[in-house]
């Protein structure tokens, strides 16, 4: 009986260690308003802050947040920023507020957040936190009528590959990993208490049409499209530079292989002459020869991140142009009537 109880206890403990996959990020409305307010106040400067909450099964609950001071390069200021975070979490704990770190939030400009620094921050967080997310908010995109609010995490397969620091083409084919598999977007669910929902209902205006509804019919989207196109062109130039690196690598590899074949042919001819003379043949490989030194393959991480940014800009351009055409057709119909 004791063995059965011990075995069942071990089975339960093992089952608890396997965490269910993260399905949704549940964020309170007040936290979302804090993030939006912080990002818009300092726009176009990029800001960041801490997310606090609870990890409950497949749901990551975000119940509070606080902003980070604007970081600078000075080491003393960075140390003050770390002390500020610890002091904030201590104060929250004293007033019995959730102080468990579940990730961080940051603002972005036109969706340009796919960087190596974001990946490094994810790894630093996940050294101490089992599951964490990064909430990205884009004030410039939100000004176009869409709430650009998304929660991201790194895929497990990409994290394993990033820790090995091996982004060669062979390893990527072995893992079946492409640029689409770097980030995973988690659905965001906004929750409010019953009292807040009732209060928001009381605040709703009696008039059926407000100024916000008229703002949605604004036809001008040129500045947003122009900046997206500018960033898209810059990303295409960066991707072209990365492709040139690979082209140079493959040309060098082809040249090296031709030199190796030429050297091997000469060595084989020399060994035939030595065998005819009754001498010992020489080895067909010479590690000390520079032509046998392997040429390092350039990493593909930067090109993967650039491809992510290009896809993001294309999606934004597609969404804005689609909305613009809809407004133009609606305005034309109203004008005809």
C-alpha atoms as a PDB file:
ATOM      1  CA  UNK A   1       0.000   0.000   0.000  1.00  0.00           C
ATOM      2  CA  UNK A   2       2.853   2.369   0.887  1.00  0.00           C
ATOM      3  CA  UNK A   3       4.589   1.614  -2.425  1.00  0.00           C
ATOM      4  CA  UNK A   4       1.377   2.348  -4.311  1.00  0.00           C
ATOM      5  CA  UNK A   5       0.954   5.682  -2.521  1.00  0.00           C
ATOM      6  CA  UNK A   6       4.593   6.619  -3.143  1.00  0.00           C
ATOM      7  CA  UNK A   7       4.296   5.709  -6.815  1.00  0.00           C
ATOM      8  CA  UNK A   8       1.095   7.704  -7.252  1.00  0.00           C
ATOM      9  CA  UNK A   9       2.692  10.701  -5.486  1.00  0.00           C
ATOM     10  CA  UNK A  10       5.694  10.569  -7.844  1.00  0.00           C
ATOM     11  CA  UNK A  11       3.375  10.349 -10.845  1.00  0.00           C
ATOM     12  CA  UNK A  12       1.458  13.426  -9.676  1.00  0.00           C
ATOM     13  CA  UNK A  13       4.698  15.343  -9.061  1.00  0.00           C
ATOM     14  CA  UNK A  14       5.985  14.441 -12.525  1.00  0.00           C
ATOM     15  CA  UNK A  15       2.699  15.515 -14.086  1.00  0.00           C
ATOM     16  CA  UNK A  16       2.896  18.874 -12.304  1.00  0.00           C
ATOM     17  CA  UNK A  17       6.391  19.510 -13.648  1.00  0.00           C
ATOM     18  CA  UNK A  18       5.116  19.339 -17.239  1.00  0.00           C
ATOM     19  CA  UNK A  19       3.505  22.735 -17.740  1.00  0.00           C
ATOM     20  CA  UNK A  20       0.645  23.003 -20.233  1.00  0.00           C
ATOM     21  CA  UNK A  21       1.323  25.139 -23.306  1.00  0.00           C
ATOM     22  CA  UNK A  22       0.507  28.813 -23.049  1.00  0.00           C
ATOM     23  CA  UNK A  23      -2.832  29.446 -24.755  1.00  0.00           C
ATOM     24  CA  UNK A  24      -3.838  33.017 -23.878  1.00  0.00           C
ATOM     25  CA  UNK A  25      -2.550  36.146 -22.155  1.00  0.00           C
ATOM     26  CA  UNK A  26      -5.297  37.630 -19.979  1.00  0.00           C
ATOM     27  CA  UNK A  27      -4.611  41.288 -19.244  1.00  0.00           C
ATOM     28  CA  UNK A  28      -6.707  43.625 -17.146  1.00  0.00           C
ATOM     29  CA  UNK A  29      -8.092  46.711 -18.849  1.00  0.00           C
ATOM     30  CA  UNK A  30      -6.411  49.067 -16.383  1.00  0.00           C
ATOM     31  CA  UNK A  31      -3.008  47.511 -17.151  1.00  0.00           C
ATOM     32  CA  UNK A  32      -3.589  47.959 -20.865  1.00  0.00           C
ATOM     33  CA  UNK A  33      -4.470  51.628 -20.328  1.00  0.00           C
ATOM     34  CA  UNK A  34      -1.283  52.116 -18.279  1.00  0.00           C
ATOM     35  CA  UNK A  35       0.828  50.635 -21.078  1.00  0.00           C
ATOM     36  CA  UNK A  36      -0.867  52.754 -23.742  1.00  0.00           C
ATOM     37  CA  UNK A  37      -0.502  55.926 -21.663  1.00  0.00           C
ATOM     38  CA  UNK A  38       3.205  55.309 -20.966  1.00  0.00           C
ATOM     39  CA  UNK A  39       4.035  54.528 -24.605  1.00  0.00           C
ATOM     40  CA  UNK A  40       2.097  57.492 -26.012  1.00  0.00           C
ATOM     41  CA  UNK A  41       3.542  60.001 -23.559  1.00  0.00           C
ATOM     42  CA  UNK A  42       7.119  59.292 -24.669  1.00  0.00           C
ATOM     43  CA  UNK A  43       6.417  58.603 -28.348  1.00  0.00           C
ATOM     44  CA  UNK A  44       8.383  58.514 -30.670  1.00  0.00           C
ATOM     45  CA  UNK A  45      10.982  57.470 -28.051  1.00  0.00           C
ATOM     46  CA  UNK A  46      10.882  53.765 -27.219  1.00  0.00           C
ATOM     47  CA  UNK A  47      10.018  52.820 -23.634  1.00  0.00           C
ATOM     48  CA  UNK A  48       9.665  49.603 -21.680  1.00  0.00           C
ATOM     49  CA  UNK A  49       8.222  48.360 -18.408  1.00  0.00           C
ATOM     50  CA  UNK A  50       7.626  45.338 -16.207  1.00  0.00           C
ATOM     51  CA  UNK A  51       4.589  43.050 -16.322  1.00  0.00           C
ATOM     52  CA  UNK A  52       3.342  41.504 -13.080  1.00  0.00           C
ATOM     53  CA  UNK A  53       0.751  38.816 -12.570  1.00  0.00           C
ATOM     54  CA  UNK A  54       0.167  35.077 -12.206  1.00  0.00           C
ATOM     55  CA  UNK A  55       0.923  31.982 -14.264  1.00  0.00           C
ATOM     56  CA  UNK A  56      -2.212  29.824 -13.985  1.00  0.00           C
ATOM     57  CA  UNK A  57      -2.230  26.707 -16.128  1.00  0.00           C
ATOM     58  CA  UNK A  58      -2.419  27.635 -19.794  1.00  0.00           C
ATOM     59  CA  UNK A  59      -3.334  31.273 -18.994  1.00  0.00           C
ATOM     60  CA  UNK A  60      -0.841  34.008 -18.156  1.00  0.00           C
ATOM     61  CA  UNK A  61      -2.679  36.653 -16.125  1.00  0.00           C
ATOM     62  CA  UNK A  62      -1.268  40.205 -16.231  1.00  0.00           C
ATOM     63  CA  UNK A  63      -2.704  42.123 -13.287  1.00  0.00           C
ATOM     64  CA  UNK A  64      -0.275  45.042 -12.885  1.00  0.00           C
ATOM     65  CA  UNK A  65       2.663  46.829 -14.500  1.00  0.00           C
ATOM     66  CA  UNK A  66       5.082  49.661 -13.875  1.00  0.00           C
ATOM     67  CA  UNK A  67       7.371  51.591 -16.245  1.00  0.00           C
ATOM     68  CA  UNK A  68      11.160  51.408 -16.342  1.00  0.00           C
ATOM     69  CA  UNK A  69      13.177  54.629 -16.251  1.00  0.00           C
ATOM     70  CA  UNK A  70      14.649  55.594 -19.610  1.00  0.00           C
ATOM     71  CA  UNK A  71      17.954  53.746 -19.883  1.00  0.00           C
ATOM     72  CA  UNK A  72      21.228  55.374 -20.824  1.00  0.00           C
ATOM     73  CA  UNK A  73      24.700  54.046 -21.489  1.00  0.00           C
ATOM     74  CA  UNK A  74      26.129  55.095 -18.121  1.00  0.00           C
ATOM     75  CA  UNK A  75      26.748  52.041 -15.892  1.00  0.00           C
ATOM     76  CA  UNK A  76      25.734  53.912 -12.736  1.00  0.00           C
ATOM     77  CA  UNK A  77      22.395  54.830 -14.284  1.00  0.00           C
ATOM     78  CA  UNK A  78      21.832  51.197 -15.323  1.00  0.00           C
ATOM     79  CA  UNK A  79      22.539  50.096 -11.739  1.00  0.00           C
ATOM     80  CA  UNK A  80      20.038  52.685 -10.487  1.00  0.00           C
ATOM     81  CA  UNK A  81      17.477  51.250 -12.907  1.00  0.00           C
ATOM     82  CA  UNK A  82      17.950  47.742 -11.466  1.00  0.00           C
ATOM     83  CA  UNK A  83      17.609  49.092  -7.924  1.00  0.00           C
ATOM     84  CA  UNK A  84      14.464  50.942  -8.993  1.00  0.00           C
ATOM     85  CA  UNK A  85      12.876  47.699 -10.210  1.00  0.00           C
ATOM     86  CA  UNK A  86      13.704  45.864  -6.979  1.00  0.00           C
ATOM     87  CA  UNK A  87      12.371  48.737  -4.870  1.00  0.00           C
ATOM     88  CA  UNK A  88       9.140  48.908  -6.882  1.00  0.00           C
ATOM     89  CA  UNK A  89       8.515  45.185  -6.467  1.00  0.00           C
ATOM     90  CA  UNK A  90       9.246  45.422  -2.734  1.00  0.00           C
ATOM     91  CA  UNK A  91       6.734  48.264  -2.347  1.00  0.00           C
ATOM     92  CA  UNK A  92       4.094  46.334  -4.280  1.00  0.00           C
ATOM     93  CA  UNK A  93       4.643  43.298  -2.090  1.00  0.00           C
ATOM     94  CA  UNK A  94       4.180  45.398   1.046  1.00  0.00           C
ATOM     95  CA  UNK A  95       0.756  46.619  -0.134  1.00  0.00           C
ATOM     96  CA  UNK A  96      -0.271  43.063  -1.063  1.00  0.00           C
ATOM     97  CA  UNK A  97      -0.269  43.574  -4.851  1.00  0.00           C
ATOM     98  CA  UNK A  98       0.790  40.864  -7.307  1.00  0.00           C
ATOM     99  CA  UNK A  99       4.559  41.208  -7.701  1.00  0.00           C
ATOM    100  CA  UNK A 100       5.401  38.078  -9.681  1.00  0.00           C
ATOM    101  CA  UNK A 101       7.203  38.969 -12.891  1.00  0.00           C
ATOM    102  CA  UNK A 102       5.545  37.464 -15.974  1.00  0.00           C
ATOM    103  CA  UNK A 103       7.379  39.450 -18.659  1.00  0.00           C
ATOM    104  CA  UNK A 104       7.775  42.975 -19.910  1.00  0.00           C
ATOM    105  CA  UNK A 105       6.216  45.405 -22.353  1.00  0.00           C
ATOM    106  CA  UNK A 106       7.832  47.748 -24.836  1.00  0.00           C
ATOM    107  CA  UNK A 107       6.790  50.266 -27.439  1.00  0.00           C
ATOM    108  CA  UNK A 108       7.796  50.097 -31.076  1.00  0.00           C
ATOM    109  CA  UNK A 109       7.710  52.299 -34.144  1.00  0.00           C
ATOM    110  CA  UNK A 110       5.807  50.898 -37.123  1.00  0.00           C
ATOM    111  CA  UNK A 111       6.292  47.344 -35.879  1.00  0.00           C
ATOM    112  CA  UNK A 112      10.106  47.314 -35.953  1.00  0.00           C
ATOM    113  CA  UNK A 113      10.700  45.089 -32.930  1.00  0.00           C
ATOM    114  CA  UNK A 114      12.262  41.914 -34.419  1.00  0.00           C
ATOM    115  CA  UNK A 115      15.829  42.442 -33.222  1.00  0.00           C
ATOM    116  CA  UNK A 116      18.607  40.404 -31.645  1.00  0.00           C
ATOM    117  CA  UNK A 117      18.245  42.516 -28.477  1.00  0.00           C
ATOM    118  CA  UNK A 118      14.646  41.290 -28.056  1.00  0.00           C
ATOM    119  CA  UNK A 119      15.822  37.671 -28.308  1.00  0.00           C
ATOM    120  CA  UNK A 120      18.577  38.269 -25.740  1.00  0.00           C
ATOM    121  CA  UNK A 121      16.058  39.849 -23.363  1.00  0.00           C
ATOM    122  CA  UNK A 122      13.786  36.822 -23.722  1.00  0.00           C
ATOM    123  CA  UNK A 123      16.629  34.476 -22.833  1.00  0.00           C
ATOM    124  CA  UNK A 124      17.629  36.591 -19.822  1.00  0.00           C
ATOM    125  CA  UNK A 125      14.061  36.543 -18.527  1.00  0.00           C
ATOM    126  CA  UNK A 126      13.589  32.815 -19.085  1.00  0.00           C
ATOM    127  CA  UNK A 127      16.677  31.982 -17.070  1.00  0.00           C
ATOM    128  CA  UNK A 128      14.633  32.849 -13.951  1.00  0.00           C
ATOM    129  CA  UNK A 129      11.022  32.660 -15.165  1.00  0.00           C
ATOM    130  CA  UNK A 130       9.525  29.501 -16.580  1.00  0.00           C
ATOM    131  CA  UNK A 131       7.125  31.299 -18.906  1.00  0.00           C
ATOM    132  CA  UNK A 132       7.140  34.942 -19.874  1.00  0.00           C
ATOM    133  CA  UNK A 133       5.787  37.097 -22.684  1.00  0.00           C
ATOM    134  CA  UNK A 134       6.618  40.423 -24.234  1.00  0.00           C
ATOM    135  CA  UNK A 135       3.726  42.768 -24.995  1.00  0.00           C
ATOM    136  CA  UNK A 136       4.399  45.034 -27.970  1.00  0.00           C
ATOM    137  CA  UNK A 137       2.451  48.261 -28.425  1.00  0.00           C
ATOM    138  CA  UNK A 138       2.772  50.483 -31.502  1.00  0.00           C
ATOM    139  CA  UNK A 139       1.371  54.023 -30.968  1.00  0.00           C
ATOM    140  CA  UNK A 140       1.868  55.020 -34.618  1.00  0.00           C
ATOM    141  CA  UNK A 141      -0.180  52.062 -35.831  1.00  0.00           C
ATOM    142  CA  UNK A 142      -2.874  52.698 -33.225  1.00  0.00           C
ATOM    143  CA  UNK A 143      -3.307  56.226 -34.589  1.00  0.00           C
ATOM    144  CA  UNK A 144      -4.574  54.620 -37.810  1.00  0.00           C
ATOM    145  CA  UNK A 145      -7.580  53.082 -36.042  1.00  0.00           C
ATOM    146  CA  UNK A 146      -6.156  49.655 -35.110  1.00  0.00           C
ATOM    147  CA  UNK A 147      -5.142  48.706 -31.580  1.00  0.00           C
ATOM    148  CA  UNK A 148      -1.589  47.460 -32.296  1.00  0.00           C
ATOM    149  CA  UNK A 149      -1.284  45.367 -29.174  1.00  0.00           C
ATOM    150  CA  UNK A 150       0.253  41.889 -29.330  1.00  0.00           C
ATOM    151  CA  UNK A 151       1.859  39.348 -26.989  1.00  0.00           C
ATOM    152  CA  UNK A 152       4.900  37.412 -28.191  1.00  0.00           C
ATOM    153  CA  UNK A 153       7.112  34.580 -27.020  1.00  0.00           C
ATOM    154  CA  UNK A 154      10.010  32.702 -28.565  1.00  0.00           C
ATOM    155  CA  UNK A 155       9.298  29.274 -29.981  1.00  0.00           C
ATOM    156  CA  UNK A 156      10.913  26.363 -28.127  1.00  0.00           C
ATOM    157  CA  UNK A 157      12.647  25.042 -31.242  1.00  0.00           C
ATOM    158  CA  UNK A 158      14.232  28.420 -31.944  1.00  0.00           C
ATOM    159  CA  UNK A 159      15.401  28.810 -28.333  1.00  0.00           C
ATOM    160  CA  UNK A 160      17.170  25.437 -28.455  1.00  0.00           C
ATOM    161  CA  UNK A 161      18.875  26.416 -31.702  1.00  0.00           C
ATOM    162  CA  UNK A 162      19.810  29.870 -30.404  1.00  0.00           C
ATOM    163  CA  UNK A 163      21.441  28.411 -27.291  1.00  0.00           C
ATOM    164  CA  UNK A 164      23.606  26.189 -29.495  1.00  0.00           C
ATOM    165  CA  UNK A 165      24.579  29.296 -31.535  1.00  0.00           C
ATOM    166  CA  UNK A 166      24.530  27.287 -34.754  1.00  0.00           C
ATOM    167  CA  UNK A 167      22.543  29.014 -37.504  1.00  0.00           C
ATOM    168  CA  UNK A 168      24.025  27.178 -40.467  1.00  0.00           C
ATOM    169  CA  UNK A 169      21.838  26.064 -43.349  1.00  0.00           C
ATOM    170  CA  UNK A 170      22.371  22.389 -42.496  1.00  0.00           C
ATOM    171  CA  UNK A 171      21.226  22.863 -38.899  1.00  0.00           C
ATOM    172  CA  UNK A 172      18.177  24.883 -39.971  1.00  0.00           C
ATOM    173  CA  UNK A 173      17.172  22.172 -42.437  1.00  0.00           C
ATOM    174  CA  UNK A 174      17.658  19.540 -39.745  1.00  0.00           C
ATOM    175  CA  UNK A 175      15.368  21.429 -37.336  1.00  0.00           C
ATOM    176  CA  UNK A 176      12.975  22.386 -40.163  1.00  0.00           C
ATOM    177  CA  UNK A 177      13.142  26.005 -38.943  1.00  0.00           C
ATOM    178  CA  UNK A 178      12.378  29.084 -41.027  1.00  0.00           C
ATOM    179  CA  UNK A 179      12.039  32.796 -40.308  1.00  0.00           C
ATOM    180  CA  UNK A 180       8.336  32.302 -39.537  1.00  0.00           C
ATOM    181  CA  UNK A 181       9.160  30.020 -36.583  1.00  0.00           C
ATOM    182  CA  UNK A 182      11.124  32.532 -34.452  1.00  0.00           C
ATOM    183  CA  UNK A 183       8.234  34.245 -32.653  1.00  0.00           C
ATOM    184  CA  UNK A 184       4.885  32.893 -31.522  1.00  0.00           C
ATOM    185  CA  UNK A 185       2.011  35.325 -31.101  1.00  0.00           C
ATOM    186  CA  UNK A 186      -0.232  34.536 -28.128  1.00  0.00           C
ATOM    187  CA  UNK A 187      -3.884  35.678 -28.191  1.00  0.00           C
ATOM    188  CA  UNK A 188      -4.596  38.575 -25.827  1.00  0.00           C
ATOM    189  CA  UNK A 189      -7.817  38.654 -23.815  1.00  0.00           C
ATOM    190  CA  UNK A 190      -8.838  41.822 -21.963  1.00  0.00           C
ATOM    191  CA  UNK A 191     -10.687  41.234 -18.694  1.00  0.00           C
ATOM    192  CA  UNK A 192     -12.424  43.680 -16.378  1.00  0.00           C
ATOM    193  CA  UNK A 193     -14.190  43.286 -13.094  1.00  0.00           C
ATOM    194  CA  UNK A 194     -17.973  43.552 -12.950  1.00  0.00           C
ATOM    195  CA  UNK A 195     -17.752  46.976 -11.257  1.00  0.00           C
ATOM    196  CA  UNK A 196     -15.510  48.409 -13.980  1.00  0.00           C
ATOM    197  CA  UNK A 197     -17.761  46.990 -16.721  1.00  0.00           C
ATOM    198  CA  UNK A 198     -20.794  48.591 -15.094  1.00  0.00           C
ATOM    199  CA  UNK A 199     -18.941  51.901 -14.746  1.00  0.00           C
ATOM    200  CA  UNK A 200     -17.912  51.850 -18.417  1.00  0.00           C
ATOM    201  CA  UNK A 201     -21.531  51.209 -19.374  1.00  0.00           C
ATOM    202  CA  UNK A 202     -22.557  54.327 -17.452  1.00  0.00           C
ATOM    203  CA  UNK A 203     -19.909  56.357 -19.290  1.00  0.00           C
ATOM    204  CA  UNK A 204     -21.171  55.419 -22.744  1.00  0.00           C
ATOM    205  CA  UNK A 205     -22.627  58.488 -24.517  1.00  0.00           C
ATOM    206  CA  UNK A 206     -26.313  58.616 -25.383  1.00  0.00           C
ATOM    207  CA  UNK A 207     -25.639  59.930 -28.891  1.00  0.00           C
ATOM    208  CA  UNK A 208     -25.326  57.143 -31.495  1.00  0.00           C
ATOM    209  CA  UNK A 209     -22.482  58.906 -33.368  1.00  0.00           C
ATOM    210  CA  UNK A 210     -19.375  60.447 -31.791  1.00  0.00           C
ATOM    211  CA  UNK A 211     -16.364  62.322 -33.098  1.00  0.00           C
ATOM    212  CA  UNK A 212     -14.400  59.076 -33.006  1.00  0.00           C
ATOM    213  CA  UNK A 213     -16.757  57.605 -35.596  1.00  0.00           C
ATOM    214  CA  UNK A 214     -16.112  60.564 -37.889  1.00  0.00           C
ATOM    215  CA  UNK A 215     -12.358  60.201 -37.428  1.00  0.00           C
ATOM    216  CA  UNK A 216     -12.567  56.695 -38.858  1.00  0.00           C
ATOM    217  CA  UNK A 217     -13.610  58.207 -42.188  1.00  0.00           C
ATOM    218  CA  UNK A 218     -10.412  60.238 -42.480  1.00  0.00           C
ATOM    219  CA  UNK A 219      -9.058  59.564 -45.969  1.00  0.00           C
ATOM    220  CA  UNK A 220      -5.462  60.677 -45.425  1.00  0.00           C
ATOM    221  CA  UNK A 221      -3.048  57.804 -44.754  1.00  0.00           C
ATOM    222  CA  UNK A 222      -0.089  59.069 -46.796  1.00  0.00           C
ATOM    223  CA  UNK A 223       2.372  59.751 -43.917  1.00  0.00           C
ATOM    224  CA  UNK A 224       1.862  56.272 -42.447  1.00  0.00           C
ATOM    225  CA  UNK A 225       2.254  54.593 -45.841  1.00  0.00           C
ATOM    226  CA  UNK A 226       5.302  56.671 -46.720  1.00  0.00           C
ATOM    227  CA  UNK A 227       7.128  55.745 -43.526  1.00  0.00           C
ATOM    228  CA  UNK A 228       6.235  52.088 -43.972  1.00  0.00           C
ATOM    229  CA  UNK A 229       7.600  52.186 -47.501  1.00  0.00           C
ATOM    230  CA  UNK A 230      10.790  53.892 -46.306  1.00  0.00           C
ATOM    231  CA  UNK A 231      11.384  51.261 -43.640  1.00  0.00           C
ATOM    232  CA  UNK A 232      10.524  48.514 -46.111  1.00  0.00           C
ATOM    233  CA  UNK A 233      13.114  49.814 -48.591  1.00  0.00           C
ATOM    234  CA  UNK A 234      15.728  49.962 -45.824  1.00  0.00           C
ATOM    235  CA  UNK A 235      14.964  46.358 -44.881  1.00  0.00           C
ATOM    236  CA  UNK A 236      15.257  45.292 -48.520  1.00  0.00           C
ATOM    237  CA  UNK A 237      18.690  46.953 -48.670  1.00  0.00           C
ATOM    238  CA  UNK A 238      19.735  45.162 -45.473  1.00  0.00           C
ATOM    239  CA  UNK A 239      18.491  41.848 -46.849  1.00  0.00           C
ATOM    240  CA  UNK A 240      20.457  42.487 -50.063  1.00  0.00           C
ATOM    241  CA  UNK A 241      23.619  42.997 -47.969  1.00  0.00           C
ATOM    242  CA  UNK A 242      22.993  39.688 -46.182  1.00  0.00           C
ATOM    243  CA  UNK A 243      22.482  37.930 -49.524  1.00  0.00           C
ATOM    244  CA  UNK A 244      25.757  39.357 -50.800  1.00  0.00           C
ATOM    245  CA  UNK A 245      27.503  37.819 -47.786  1.00  0.00           C
ATOM    246  CA  UNK A 246      26.105  34.402 -48.708  1.00  0.00           C
ATOM    247  CA  UNK A 247      26.988  34.866 -52.366  1.00  0.00           C
ATOM    248  CA  UNK A 248      30.574  35.689 -51.384  1.00  0.00           C
ATOM    249  CA  UNK A 249      30.636  32.639 -49.099  1.00  0.00           C
ATOM    250  CA  UNK A 250      29.448  30.278 -51.843  1.00  0.00           C
ATOM    251  CA  UNK A 251      31.905  31.772 -54.367  1.00  0.00           C
ATOM    252  CA  UNK A 252      34.741  31.292 -51.870  1.00  0.00           C
ATOM    253  CA  UNK A 253      33.549  27.744 -51.165  1.00  0.00           C
ATOM    254  CA  UNK A 254      33.449  26.899 -54.868  1.00  0.00           C
ATOM    255  CA  UNK A 255      36.909  28.391 -55.377  1.00  0.00           C
ATOM    256  CA  UNK A 256      38.283  26.426 -52.428  1.00  0.00           C
ATOM    257  CA  UNK A 257      36.784  23.159 -53.686  1.00  0.00           C
ATOM    258  CA  UNK A 258      38.364  23.747 -57.113  1.00  0.00           C
ATOM    259  CA  UNK A 259      41.755  24.398 -55.449  1.00  0.00           C
ATOM    260  CA  UNK A 260      41.394  21.239 -53.359  1.00  0.00           C
ATOM    261  CA  UNK A 261      40.615  19.137 -56.431  1.00  0.00           C
ATOM    262  CA  UNK A 262      43.574  20.616 -58.288  1.00  0.00           C
ATOM    263  CA  UNK A 263      45.872  19.962 -55.317  1.00  0.00           C
ATOM    264  CA  UNK A 264      44.603  16.384 -54.927  1.00  0.00           C
ATOM    265  CA  UNK A 265      45.142  15.668 -58.609  1.00  0.00           C
ATOM    266  CA  UNK A 266      48.732  16.922 -58.383  1.00  0.00           C
ATOM    267  CA  UNK A 267      49.338  14.839 -55.249  1.00  0.00           C
ATOM    268  CA  UNK A 268      47.920  11.714 -56.911  1.00  0.00           C
ATOM    269  CA  UNK A 269      50.158  12.233 -59.935  1.00  0.00           C
ATOM    270  CA  UNK A 270      53.103  12.721 -57.600  1.00  0.00           C
ATOM    271  CA  UNK A 271      52.229   9.524 -55.679  1.00  0.00           C
ATOM    272  CA  UNK A 272      52.079   7.558 -58.943  1.00  0.00           C
ATOM    273  CA  UNK A 273      55.609   8.756 -59.767  1.00  0.00           C
ATOM    274  CA  UNK A 274      56.810   7.871 -56.246  1.00  0.00           C
ATOM    275  CA  UNK A 275      55.289   4.383 -56.462  1.00  0.00           C
ATOM    276  CA  UNK A 276      57.022   3.843 -59.803  1.00  0.00           C
ATOM    277  CA  UNK A 277      60.306   4.907 -58.174  1.00  0.00           C
ATOM    278  CA  UNK A 278      59.679   2.556 -55.208  1.00  0.00           C
ATOM    279  CA  UNK A 279      59.111   5.358 -52.679  1.00  0.00           C
ATOM    280  CA  UNK A 280      56.400   5.713 -50.030  1.00  0.00           C
ATOM    281  CA  UNK A 281      53.317   7.680 -51.252  1.00  0.00           C
ATOM    282  CA  UNK A 282      52.503  10.982 -49.588  1.00  0.00           C
ATOM    283  CA  UNK A 283      49.132  11.495 -47.737  1.00  0.00           C
ATOM    284  CA  UNK A 284      46.360  12.889 -49.928  1.00  0.00           C
ATOM    285  CA  UNK A 285      45.246  15.372 -47.256  1.00  0.00           C
ATOM    286  CA  UNK A 286      47.412  18.042 -45.673  1.00  0.00           C
ATOM    287  CA  UNK A 287      45.667  19.800 -42.742  1.00  0.00           C
ATOM    288  CA  UNK A 288      48.400  22.423 -42.630  1.00  0.00           C
ATOM    289  CA  UNK A 289      47.530  23.537 -46.169  1.00  0.00           C
ATOM    290  CA  UNK A 290      45.328  26.691 -46.110  1.00  0.00           C
ATOM    291  CA  UNK A 291      43.075  25.357 -48.862  1.00  0.00           C
ATOM    292  CA  UNK A 292      41.829  22.610 -46.512  1.00  0.00           C
ATOM    293  CA  UNK A 293      40.832  25.071 -43.780  1.00  0.00           C
ATOM    294  CA  UNK A 294      36.988  25.198 -43.659  1.00  0.00           C
ATOM    295  CA  UNK A 295      35.396  28.530 -44.512  1.00  0.00           C
ATOM    296  CA  UNK A 296      32.916  29.599 -41.792  1.00  0.00           C
ATOM    297  CA  UNK A 297      29.350  29.955 -43.017  1.00  0.00           C
ATOM    298  CA  UNK A 298      27.768  33.337 -42.183  1.00  0.00           C
ATOM    299  CA  UNK A 299      24.938  33.045 -39.621  1.00  0.00           C
ATOM    300  CA  UNK A 300      21.393  33.331 -40.894  1.00  0.00           C
ATOM    301  CA  UNK A 301      19.808  34.887 -37.790  1.00  0.00           C
ATOM    302  CA  UNK A 302      20.027  38.470 -39.038  1.00  0.00           C
ATOM    303  CA  UNK A 303      18.477  37.585 -42.395  1.00  0.00           C
ATOM    304  CA  UNK A 304      15.654  35.765 -40.550  1.00  0.00           C
ATOM    305  CA  UNK A 305      14.938  38.844 -38.426  1.00  0.00           C
ATOM    306  CA  UNK A 306      15.007  41.099 -41.496  1.00  0.00           C
ATOM    307  CA  UNK A 307      12.536  38.768 -43.229  1.00  0.00           C
ATOM    308  CA  UNK A 308      10.247  39.075 -40.187  1.00  0.00           C
ATOM    309  CA  UNK A 309      10.371  42.874 -40.385  1.00  0.00           C
ATOM    310  CA  UNK A 310       9.688  42.832 -44.142  1.00  0.00           C
ATOM    311  CA  UNK A 311       6.639  40.608 -43.618  1.00  0.00           C
ATOM    312  CA  UNK A 312       5.402  42.918 -40.857  1.00  0.00           C
ATOM    313  CA  UNK A 313       5.718  46.053 -43.029  1.00  0.00           C
ATOM    314  CA  UNK A 314       3.981  44.329 -45.943  1.00  0.00           C
ATOM    315  CA  UNK A 315       1.088  43.267 -43.706  1.00  0.00           C
ATOM    316  CA  UNK A 316       0.752  46.817 -42.358  1.00  0.00           C
ATOM    317  CA  UNK A 317       0.771  48.321 -45.851  1.00  0.00           C
ATOM    318  CA  UNK A 318      -1.792  45.751 -46.986  1.00  0.00           C
ATOM    319  CA  UNK A 319      -4.062  46.478 -44.010  1.00  0.00           C
ATOM    320  CA  UNK A 320      -3.889  50.262 -44.334  1.00  0.00           C
ATOM    321  CA  UNK A 321      -4.446  50.272 -48.086  1.00  0.00           C
ATOM    322  CA  UNK A 322      -7.408  47.913 -47.683  1.00  0.00           C
ATOM    323  CA  UNK A 323      -9.003  50.230 -45.131  1.00  0.00           C
ATOM    324  CA  UNK A 324      -8.269  53.258 -47.328  1.00  0.00           C
ATOM    325  CA  UNK A 325      -9.977  51.672 -50.333  1.00  0.00           C
ATOM    326  CA  UNK A 326     -12.990  50.799 -48.178  1.00  0.00           C
ATOM    327  CA  UNK A 327     -13.263  54.405 -46.973  1.00  0.00           C
ATOM    328  CA  UNK A 328     -12.884  55.723 -50.532  1.00  0.00           C
ATOM    329  CA  UNK A 329     -15.663  53.480 -51.838  1.00  0.00           C
ATOM    330  CA  UNK A 330     -17.867  54.457 -48.880  1.00  0.00           C
ATOM    331  CA  UNK A 331     -17.208  58.168 -49.461  1.00  0.00           C
ATOM    332  CA  UNK A 332     -17.927  57.761 -53.190  1.00  0.00           C
ATOM    333  CA  UNK A 333     -21.241  56.043 -52.435  1.00  0.00           C
ATOM    334  CA  UNK A 334     -22.205  58.810 -50.002  1.00  0.00           C
ATOM    335  CA  UNK A 335     -21.222  61.455 -52.553  1.00  0.00           C
ATOM    336  CA  UNK A 336     -23.292  59.802 -55.297  1.00  0.00           C
ATOM    337  CA  UNK A 337     -26.300  59.614 -53.049  1.00  0.00           C
END
